[in-house]
Amino acid sequence: MGFRSEFHCTEKAQWVFILAGAMEIGLRDGSSRIFRPGDHFYSADTVPAGERFDAAVHGHWSRQLGDEALVTLFVRG
Protein backbone atom coordinates (compact mmCIF):
# COMPACT_ATOMS: atom_id res chain seq x y z
CA MET A 1 0.00 0.00 0.00
CA GLY A 2 1.00 3.65 -0.27
CA PHE A 3 2.99 6.10 1.76
CA ARG A 4 2.56 8.59 4.57
CA SER A 5 5.06 11.39 4.93
CA GLU A 6 6.22 13.13 8.06
CA PHE A 7 5.47 16.83 8.46
CA HIS A 8 7.25 18.78 5.73
CA CYS A 9 7.05 21.98 3.66
CA THR A 10 7.39 22.51 -0.05
CA GLU A 11 10.53 24.24 -1.29
CA LYS A 12 8.56 26.57 -3.59
CA ALA A 13 4.86 27.24 -4.01
CA GLN A 14 3.29 24.94 -6.61
CA TRP A 15 0.07 23.66 -8.13
CA VAL A 16 -0.71 20.00 -7.42
CA PHE A 17 -3.02 18.02 -9.72
CA ILE A 18 -4.30 14.55 -8.79
CA LEU A 19 -4.33 12.39 -11.93
CA ALA A 20 -5.06 8.97 -10.36
CA GLY A 21 -5.55 7.49 -6.92
CA ALA A 22 -6.36 9.47 -3.79
CA MET A 23 -4.20 11.63 -1.55
CA GLU A 24 -4.92 12.99 1.91
CA ILE A 25 -3.23 16.14 3.19
CA GLY A 26 -3.15 16.84 6.95
CA LEU A 27 -2.54 20.19 8.60
CA ARG A 28 -1.13 21.22 11.98
CA ASP A 29 -4.60 22.03 13.32
CA GLY A 30 -5.58 18.36 12.96
CA SER A 31 -7.78 18.86 9.91
CA SER A 32 -7.26 16.94 6.69
CA ARG A 33 -8.69 16.84 3.19
CA ILE A 34 -8.84 14.10 0.57
CA PHE A 35 -8.07 14.84 -3.07
CA ARG A 36 -9.12 12.55 -5.93
CA PRO A 37 -8.57 12.50 -9.72
CA GLY A 38 -9.51 15.84 -11.24
CA ASP A 39 -8.88 17.74 -8.01
CA HIS A 40 -6.12 20.31 -7.77
CA PHE A 41 -4.83 22.80 -5.23
CA TYR A 42 -2.21 25.48 -4.78
CA SER A 43 0.39 24.47 -2.21
CA ALA A 44 2.19 27.45 -0.70
CA ASP A 45 3.18 25.79 2.58
CA THR A 46 6.78 26.99 2.63
CA VAL A 47 9.04 27.81 5.56
CA PRO A 48 8.64 31.51 6.42
CA ALA A 49 11.51 33.75 5.32
CA GLY A 50 14.30 33.90 7.88
CA GLU A 51 13.22 30.72 9.68
CA ARG A 52 14.56 27.18 9.63
CA PHE A 53 12.19 24.25 9.21
CA ASP A 54 10.99 22.89 12.56
CA ALA A 55 8.93 19.69 12.26
CA ALA A 56 7.15 20.56 15.50
CA VAL A 57 5.91 23.88 14.10
CA HIS A 58 5.87 23.95 10.29
CA GLY A 59 4.40 21.94 7.49
CA HIS A 60 1.81 19.38 6.55
CA TRP A 61 1.76 15.62 5.97
CA SER A 62 0.46 13.67 3.00
CA ARG A 63 -0.48 10.08 2.33
CA GLN A 64 -1.80 7.84 -0.37
CA LEU A 65 -5.23 6.35 0.30
CA GLY A 66 -6.28 2.93 -0.98
CA ASP A 67 -4.54 0.48 -3.24
CA GLU A 68 -4.69 2.46 -6.49
CA ALA A 69 -1.39 4.06 -7.44
CA LEU A 70 -1.25 7.78 -6.69
CA VAL A 71 -0.25 9.83 -9.74
CA THR A 72 0.27 13.56 -9.26
CA LEU A 73 1.47 16.43 -11.39
CA PHE A 74 3.37 19.28 -9.72
CA VAL A 75 3.66 22.61 -11.54
CA ARG A 76 5.97 25.22 -10.05
CA GLY A 77 5.55 28.84 -10.97
PDB file of N, CA and C in Angstrom:
ATOM      1  N   MET A   1       0.839  -1.172   0.000  1.00  0.00           N
ATOM      2  CA  MET A   1       0.000   0.000   0.000  1.00  0.00           C
ATOM      3  C   MET A   1       0.885   1.235   0.000  1.00  0.00           C
ATOM      4  N   GLY A   2       0.317   2.397  -0.026  1.00  0.00           N
ATOM      5  CA  GLY A   2       1.000   3.653  -0.272  1.00  0.00           C
ATOM      6  C   GLY A   2       1.924   4.152   0.802  1.00  0.00           C
ATOM      7  N   PHE A   3       2.029   5.436   0.884  1.00  0.00           N
ATOM      8  CA  PHE A   3       2.993   6.096   1.764  1.00  0.00           C
ATOM      9  C   PHE A   3       2.277   7.043   2.701  1.00  0.00           C
ATOM     10  N   ARG A   4       2.962   7.456   3.729  1.00  0.00           N
ATOM     11  CA  ARG A   4       2.564   8.590   4.567  1.00  0.00           C
ATOM     12  C   ARG A   4       3.850   9.324   4.918  1.00  0.00           C
ATOM     13  N   SER A   5       3.865  10.602   4.654  1.00  0.00           N
ATOM     14  CA  SER A   5       5.060  11.394   4.933  1.00  0.00           C
ATOM     15  C   SER A   5       5.016  11.919   6.362  1.00  0.00           C
ATOM     16  N   GLU A   6       6.137  12.366   6.815  1.00  0.00           N
ATOM     17  CA  GLU A   6       6.224  13.125   8.062  1.00  0.00           C
ATOM     18  C   GLU A   6       5.839  14.561   7.729  1.00  0.00           C
ATOM     19  N   PHE A   7       5.743  15.420   8.739  1.00  0.00           N
ATOM     20  CA  PHE A   7       5.468  16.828   8.461  1.00  0.00           C
ATOM     21  C   PHE A   7       6.619  17.405   7.631  1.00  0.00           C
ATOM     22  N   HIS A   8       6.264  18.172   6.621  1.00  0.00           N
ATOM     23  CA  HIS A   8       7.254  18.784   5.728  1.00  0.00           C
ATOM     24  C   HIS A   8       6.649  20.028   5.093  1.00  0.00           C
ATOM     25  N   CYS A   9       7.483  20.816   4.438  1.00  0.00           N
ATOM     26  CA  CYS A   9       7.051  21.979   3.665  1.00  0.00           C
ATOM     27  C   CYS A   9       7.516  21.797   2.230  1.00  0.00           C
ATOM     28  N   THR A  10       6.904  22.518   1.321  1.00  0.00           N
ATOM     29  CA  THR A  10       7.392  22.513  -0.054  1.00  0.00           C
ATOM     30  C   THR A  10       8.525  23.533  -0.164  1.00  0.00           C
ATOM     31  N   GLU A  11       9.427  23.295  -1.101  1.00  0.00           N
ATOM     32  CA  GLU A  11      10.527  24.241  -1.286  1.00  0.00           C
ATOM     33  C   GLU A  11      10.034  25.537  -1.910  1.00  0.00           C
ATOM     34  N   LYS A  12       9.138  25.413  -2.890  1.00  0.00           N
ATOM     35  CA  LYS A  12       8.561  26.567  -3.586  1.00  0.00           C
ATOM     36  C   LYS A  12       7.073  26.310  -3.759  1.00  0.00           C
ATOM     37  N   ALA A  13       6.293  27.385  -3.784  1.00  0.00           N
ATOM     38  CA  ALA A  13       4.857  27.242  -4.008  1.00  0.00           C
ATOM     39  C   ALA A  13       4.618  26.539  -5.346  1.00  0.00           C
ATOM     40  N   GLN A  14       3.557  25.720  -5.405  1.00  0.00           N
ATOM     41  CA  GLN A  14       3.294  24.940  -6.609  1.00  0.00           C
ATOM     42  C   GLN A  14       1.823  24.533  -6.687  1.00  0.00           C
ATOM     43  N   TRP A  15       1.376  24.251  -7.903  1.00  0.00           N
ATOM     44  CA  TRP A  15       0.069  23.664  -8.131  1.00  0.00           C
ATOM     45  C   TRP A  15       0.234  22.154  -8.084  1.00  0.00           C
ATOM     46  N   VAL A  16      -0.722  21.458  -7.483  1.00  0.00           N
ATOM     47  CA  VAL A  16      -0.706  20.000  -7.417  1.00  0.00           C
ATOM     48  C   VAL A  16      -2.010  19.494  -8.044  1.00  0.00           C
ATOM     49  N   PHE A  17      -1.884  18.613  -9.030  1.00  0.00           N
ATOM     50  CA  PHE A  17      -3.024  18.021  -9.719  1.00  0.00           C
ATOM     51  C   PHE A  17      -3.030  16.518  -9.432  1.00  0.00           C
ATOM     52  N   ILE A  18      -4.173  15.983  -9.046  1.00  0.00           N
ATOM     53  CA  ILE A  18      -4.303  14.551  -8.794  1.00  0.00           C
ATOM     54  C   ILE A  18      -4.803  13.917 -10.089  1.00  0.00           C
ATOM     55  N   LEU A  19      -3.995  13.028 -10.662  1.00  0.00           N
ATOM     56  CA  LEU A  19      -4.333  12.387 -11.930  1.00  0.00           C
ATOM     57  C   LEU A  19      -4.950  11.012 -11.722  1.00  0.00           C
ATOM     58  N   ALA A  20      -4.518  10.297 -10.674  1.00  0.00           N
ATOM     59  CA  ALA A  20      -5.056   8.967 -10.364  1.00  0.00           C
ATOM     60  C   ALA A  20      -4.842   8.697  -8.886  1.00  0.00           C
ATOM     61  N   GLY A  21      -5.673   7.834  -8.329  1.00  0.00           N
ATOM     62  CA  GLY A  21      -5.553   7.491  -6.916  1.00  0.00           C
ATOM     63  C   GLY A  21      -6.164   8.566  -6.028  1.00  0.00           C
ATOM     64  N   ALA A  22      -5.843   8.497  -4.759  1.00  0.00           N
ATOM     65  CA  ALA A  22      -6.364   9.466  -3.792  1.00  0.00           C
ATOM     66  C   ALA A  22      -5.260   9.843  -2.816  1.00  0.00           C
ATOM     67  N   MET A  23      -5.223  11.120  -2.455  1.00  0.00           N
ATOM     68  CA  MET A  23      -4.203  11.632  -1.551  1.00  0.00           C
ATOM     69  C   MET A  23      -4.876  12.439  -0.444  1.00  0.00           C
ATOM     70  N   GLU A  24      -4.435  12.217   0.776  1.00  0.00           N
ATOM     71  CA  GLU A  24      -4.920  12.990   1.906  1.00  0.00           C
ATOM     72  C   GLU A  24      -3.810  13.909   2.377  1.00  0.00           C
ATOM     73  N   ILE A  25      -4.168  15.151   2.662  1.00  0.00           N
ATOM     74  CA  ILE A  25      -3.234  16.145   3.193  1.00  0.00           C
ATOM     75  C   ILE A  25      -3.716  16.518   4.589  1.00  0.00           C
ATOM     76  N   GLY A  26      -2.811  16.474   5.577  1.00  0.00           N
ATOM     77  CA  GLY A  26      -3.153  16.840   6.947  1.00  0.00           C
ATOM     78  C   GLY A  26      -2.414  18.089   7.382  1.00  0.00           C
ATOM     79  N   LEU A  27      -3.108  18.923   8.141  1.00  0.00           N
ATOM     80  CA  LEU A  27      -2.539  20.192   8.598  1.00  0.00           C
ATOM     81  C   LEU A  27      -2.253  20.157  10.095  1.00  0.00           C
ATOM     82  N   ARG A  28      -1.518  21.126  10.564  1.00  0.00           N
ATOM     83  CA  ARG A  28      -1.128  21.221  11.979  1.00  0.00           C
ATOM     84  C   ARG A  28      -2.317  21.310  12.926  1.00  0.00           C
ATOM     85  N   ASP A  29      -3.430  21.879  12.448  1.00  0.00           N
ATOM     86  CA  ASP A  29      -4.601  22.031  13.320  1.00  0.00           C
ATOM     87  C   ASP A  29      -5.398  20.737  13.471  1.00  0.00           C
ATOM     88  N   GLY A  30      -4.913  19.658  12.859  1.00  0.00           N
ATOM     89  CA  GLY A  30      -5.581  18.362  12.958  1.00  0.00           C
ATOM     90  C   GLY A  30      -6.573  18.087  11.847  1.00  0.00           C
ATOM     91  N   SER A  31      -6.853  19.076  11.019  1.00  0.00           N
ATOM     92  CA  SER A  31      -7.776  18.864   9.910  1.00  0.00           C
ATOM     93  C   SER A  31      -7.049  18.179   8.752  1.00  0.00           C
ATOM     94  N   SER A  32      -7.834  17.551   7.882  1.00  0.00           N
ATOM     95  CA  SER A  32      -7.265  16.943   6.692  1.00  0.00           C
ATOM     96  C   SER A  32      -8.290  17.005   5.567  1.00  0.00           C
ATOM     97  N   ARG A  33      -7.817  16.819   4.356  1.00  0.00           N
ATOM     98  CA  ARG A  33      -8.690  16.838   3.187  1.00  0.00           C
ATOM     99  C   ARG A  33      -8.210  15.782   2.207  1.00  0.00           C
ATOM    100  N   ILE A  34      -9.155  15.140   1.554  1.00  0.00           N
ATOM    101  CA  ILE A  34      -8.844  14.098   0.573  1.00  0.00           C
ATOM    102  C   ILE A  34      -9.030  14.665  -0.829  1.00  0.00           C
ATOM    103  N   PHE A  35      -8.042  14.403  -1.679  1.00  0.00           N
ATOM    104  CA  PHE A  35      -8.068  14.844  -3.066  1.00  0.00           C
ATOM    105  C   PHE A  35      -8.087  13.614  -3.965  1.00  0.00           C
ATOM    106  N   ARG A  36      -8.925  13.674  -4.998  1.00  0.00           N
ATOM    107  CA  ARG A  36      -9.115  12.555  -5.928  1.00  0.00           C
ATOM    108  C   ARG A  36      -8.866  13.035  -7.361  1.00  0.00           C
ATOM    109  N   PRO A  37      -8.829  12.104  -8.330  1.00  0.00           N
ATOM    110  CA  PRO A  37      -8.566  12.498  -9.719  1.00  0.00           C
ATOM    111  C   PRO A  37      -9.455  13.660 -10.168  1.00  0.00           C
ATOM    112  N   GLY A  38      -8.823  14.634 -10.791  1.00  0.00           N
ATOM    113  CA  GLY A  38      -9.511  15.835 -11.242  1.00  0.00           C
ATOM    114  C   GLY A  38      -9.408  16.983 -10.256  1.00  0.00           C
ATOM    115  N   ASP A  39      -9.057  16.678  -9.008  1.00  0.00           N
ATOM    116  CA  ASP A  39      -8.881  17.740  -8.010  1.00  0.00           C
ATOM    117  C   ASP A  39      -7.508  18.374  -8.170  1.00  0.00           C
ATOM    118  N   HIS A  40      -7.408  19.617  -7.774  1.00  0.00           N
ATOM    119  CA  HIS A  40      -6.119  20.308  -7.772  1.00  0.00           C
ATOM    120  C   HIS A  40      -6.141  21.357  -6.670  1.00  0.00           C
ATOM    121  N   PHE A  41      -4.949  21.768  -6.258  1.00  0.00           N
ATOM    122  CA  PHE A  41      -4.834  22.801  -5.228  1.00  0.00           C
ATOM    123  C   PHE A  41      -3.498  23.507  -5.355  1.00  0.00           C
ATOM    124  N   TYR A  42      -3.441  24.696  -4.786  1.00  0.00           N
ATOM    125  CA  TYR A  42      -2.211  25.479  -4.778  1.00  0.00           C
ATOM    126  C   TYR A  42      -1.543  25.281  -3.434  1.00  0.00           C
ATOM    127  N   SER A  43      -0.355  24.742  -3.439  1.00  0.00           N
ATOM    128  CA  SER A  43       0.388  24.467  -2.214  1.00  0.00           C
ATOM    129  C   SER A  43       1.448  25.548  -2.018  1.00  0.00           C
ATOM    130  N   ALA A  44       1.237  26.377  -1.002  1.00  0.00           N
ATOM    131  CA  ALA A  44       2.190  27.449  -0.701  1.00  0.00           C
ATOM    132  C   ALA A  44       2.699  27.304   0.727  1.00  0.00           C
ATOM    133  N   ASP A  45       2.743  26.076   1.211  1.00  0.00           N
ATOM    134  CA  ASP A  45       3.177  25.790   2.577  1.00  0.00           C
ATOM    135  C   ASP A  45       4.708  25.723   2.622  1.00  0.00           C
ATOM    136  N   THR A  46       5.315  26.891   2.611  1.00  0.00           N
ATOM    137  CA  THR A  46       6.776  26.987   2.633  1.00  0.00           C
ATOM    138  C   THR A  46       7.229  27.486   4.008  1.00  0.00           C
ATOM    139  N   VAL A  47       8.496  27.304   4.301  1.00  0.00           N
ATOM    140  CA  VAL A  47       9.040  27.812   5.562  1.00  0.00           C
ATOM    141  C   VAL A  47       9.112  29.340   5.460  1.00  0.00           C
ATOM    142  N   PRO A  48       8.601  30.047   6.467  1.00  0.00           N
ATOM    143  CA  PRO A  48       8.643  31.512   6.418  1.00  0.00           C
ATOM    144  C   PRO A  48      10.078  32.036   6.261  1.00  0.00           C
ATOM    145  N   ALA A  49      10.200  33.134   5.544  1.00  0.00           N
ATOM    146  CA  ALA A  49      11.514  33.750   5.321  1.00  0.00           C
ATOM    147  C   ALA A  49      12.218  33.996   6.648  1.00  0.00           C
ATOM    148  N   GLY A  50      13.493  33.666   6.690  1.00  0.00           N
ATOM    149  CA  GLY A  50      14.305  33.895   7.875  1.00  0.00           C
ATOM    150  C   GLY A  50      14.200  32.807   8.928  1.00  0.00           C
ATOM    151  N   GLU A  51      13.349  31.804   8.708  1.00  0.00           N
ATOM    152  CA  GLU A  51      13.219  30.721   9.680  1.00  0.00           C
ATOM    153  C   GLU A  51      13.790  29.427   9.119  1.00  0.00           C
ATOM    154  N   ARG A  52      14.125  28.523  10.008  1.00  0.00           N
ATOM    155  CA  ARG A  52      14.562  27.181   9.632  1.00  0.00           C
ATOM    156  C   ARG A  52      13.408  26.230   9.883  1.00  0.00           C
ATOM    157  N   PHE A  53      13.273  25.204   9.053  1.00  0.00           N
ATOM    158  CA  PHE A  53      12.191  24.249   9.207  1.00  0.00           C
ATOM    159  C   PHE A  53      12.256  23.588  10.582  1.00  0.00           C
ATOM    160  N   ASP A  54      11.126  23.556  11.263  1.00  0.00           N
ATOM    161  CA  ASP A  54      10.991  22.894  12.559  1.00  0.00           C
ATOM    162  C   ASP A  54       9.779  21.975  12.445  1.00  0.00           C
ATOM    163  N   ALA A  55       9.999  20.669  12.449  1.00  0.00           N
ATOM    164  CA  ALA A  55       8.927  19.689  12.259  1.00  0.00           C
ATOM    165  C   ALA A  55       7.853  19.775  13.329  1.00  0.00           C
ATOM    166  N   ALA A  56       8.142  20.408  14.441  1.00  0.00           N
ATOM    167  CA  ALA A  56       7.147  20.556  15.501  1.00  0.00           C
ATOM    168  C   ALA A  56       6.262  21.786  15.286  1.00  0.00           C
ATOM    169  N   VAL A  57       6.622  22.623  14.304  1.00  0.00           N
ATOM    170  CA  VAL A  57       5.907  23.883  14.095  1.00  0.00           C
ATOM    171  C   VAL A  57       5.370  24.026  12.671  1.00  0.00           C
ATOM    172  N   HIS A  58       6.183  23.688  11.694  1.00  0.00           N
ATOM    173  CA  HIS A  58       5.865  23.951  10.291  1.00  0.00           C
ATOM    174  C   HIS A  58       5.331  22.709   9.569  1.00  0.00           C
ATOM    175  N   GLY A  59       4.668  22.972   8.467  1.00  0.00           N
ATOM    176  CA  GLY A  59       4.400  21.936   7.493  1.00  0.00           C
ATOM    177  C   GLY A  59       3.058  21.241   7.553  1.00  0.00           C
ATOM    178  N   HIS A  60       2.972  20.226   6.728  1.00  0.00           N
ATOM    179  CA  HIS A  60       1.806  19.384   6.547  1.00  0.00           C
ATOM    180  C   HIS A  60       2.300  17.961   6.275  1.00  0.00           C
ATOM    181  N   TRP A  61       1.413  16.987   6.368  1.00  0.00           N
ATOM    182  CA  TRP A  61       1.764  15.620   5.973  1.00  0.00           C
ATOM    183  C   TRP A  61       0.865  15.211   4.821  1.00  0.00           C
ATOM    184  N   SER A  62       1.277  14.191   4.095  1.00  0.00           N
ATOM    185  CA  SER A  62       0.458  13.675   3.002  1.00  0.00           C
ATOM    186  C   SER A  62       0.541  12.162   2.994  1.00  0.00           C
ATOM    187  N   ARG A  63      -0.508  11.543   2.452  1.00  0.00           N
ATOM    188  CA  ARG A  63      -0.485  10.084   2.329  1.00  0.00           C
ATOM    189  C   ARG A  63      -1.367   9.643   1.182  1.00  0.00           C
ATOM    190  N   GLN A  64      -1.005   8.498   0.650  1.00  0.00           N
ATOM    191  CA  GLN A  64      -1.805   7.838  -0.375  1.00  0.00           C
ATOM    192  C   GLN A  64      -2.914   7.066   0.325  1.00  0.00           C
ATOM    193  N   LEU A  65      -4.105   7.120  -0.239  1.00  0.00           N
ATOM    194  CA  LEU A  65      -5.227   6.353   0.296  1.00  0.00           C
ATOM    195  C   LEU A  65      -5.567   5.219  -0.668  1.00  0.00           C
ATOM    196  N   GLY A  66      -5.870   4.051  -0.142  1.00  0.00           N
ATOM    197  CA  GLY A  66      -6.284   2.934  -0.976  1.00  0.00           C
ATOM    198  C   GLY A  66      -5.150   2.244  -1.686  1.00  0.00           C
ATOM    199  N   ASP A  67      -5.523   1.306  -2.540  1.00  0.00           N
ATOM    200  CA  ASP A  67      -4.537   0.482  -3.245  1.00  0.00           C
ATOM    201  C   ASP A  67      -4.173   1.007  -4.622  1.00  0.00           C
ATOM    202  N   GLU A  68      -4.988   1.919  -5.167  1.00  0.00           N
ATOM    203  CA  GLU A  68      -4.688   2.455  -6.491  1.00  0.00           C
ATOM    204  C   GLU A  68      -3.474   3.370  -6.419  1.00  0.00           C
ATOM    205  N   ALA A  69      -2.596   3.233  -7.396  1.00  0.00           N
ATOM    206  CA  ALA A  69      -1.389   4.063  -7.438  1.00  0.00           C
ATOM    207  C   ALA A  69      -1.765   5.537  -7.476  1.00  0.00           C
ATOM    208  N   LEU A  70      -1.046   6.336  -6.706  1.00  0.00           N
ATOM    209  CA  LEU A  70      -1.247   7.777  -6.693  1.00  0.00           C
ATOM    210  C   LEU A  70      -0.364   8.396  -7.774  1.00  0.00           C
ATOM    211  N   VAL A  71      -0.984   9.138  -8.668  1.00  0.00           N
ATOM    212  CA  VAL A  71      -0.253   9.825  -9.735  1.00  0.00           C
ATOM    213  C   VAL A  71      -0.577  11.311  -9.613  1.00  0.00           C
ATOM    214  N   THR A  72       0.452  12.116  -9.432  1.00  0.00           N
ATOM    215  CA  THR A  72       0.274  13.559  -9.256  1.00  0.00           C
ATOM    216  C   THR A  72       1.117  14.303 -10.279  1.00  0.00           C
ATOM    217  N   LEU A  73       0.704  15.527 -10.537  1.00  0.00           N
ATOM    218  CA  LEU A  73       1.466  16.435 -11.390  1.00  0.00           C
ATOM    219  C   LEU A  73       1.720  17.691 -10.581  1.00  0.00           C
ATOM    220  N   PHE A  74       2.983  18.078 -10.451  1.00  0.00           N
ATOM    221  CA  PHE A  74       3.371  19.278  -9.722  1.00  0.00           C
ATOM    222  C   PHE A  74       3.835  20.314 -10.734  1.00  0.00           C
ATOM    223  N   VAL A  75       3.282  21.526 -10.642  1.00  0.00           N
ATOM    224  CA  VAL A  75       3.662  22.611 -11.544  1.00  0.00           C
ATOM    225  C   VAL A  75       4.124  23.779 -10.693  1.00  0.00           C
ATOM    226  N   ARG A  76       5.398  24.090 -10.804  1.00  0.00           N
ATOM    227  CA  ARG A  76       5.970  25.216 -10.054  1.00  0.00           C
ATOM    228  C   ARG A  76       5.950  26.460 -10.913  1.00  0.00           C
ATOM    229  N   GLY A  77       5.641  27.569 -10.244  1.00  0.00           N
ATOM    230  CA  GLY A  77       5.547  28.843 -10.971  1.00  0.00           C
ATOM    231  C   GLY A  77       6.864  29.557 -11.046  1.00  0.00           C
TER     232      GLY A  77
END
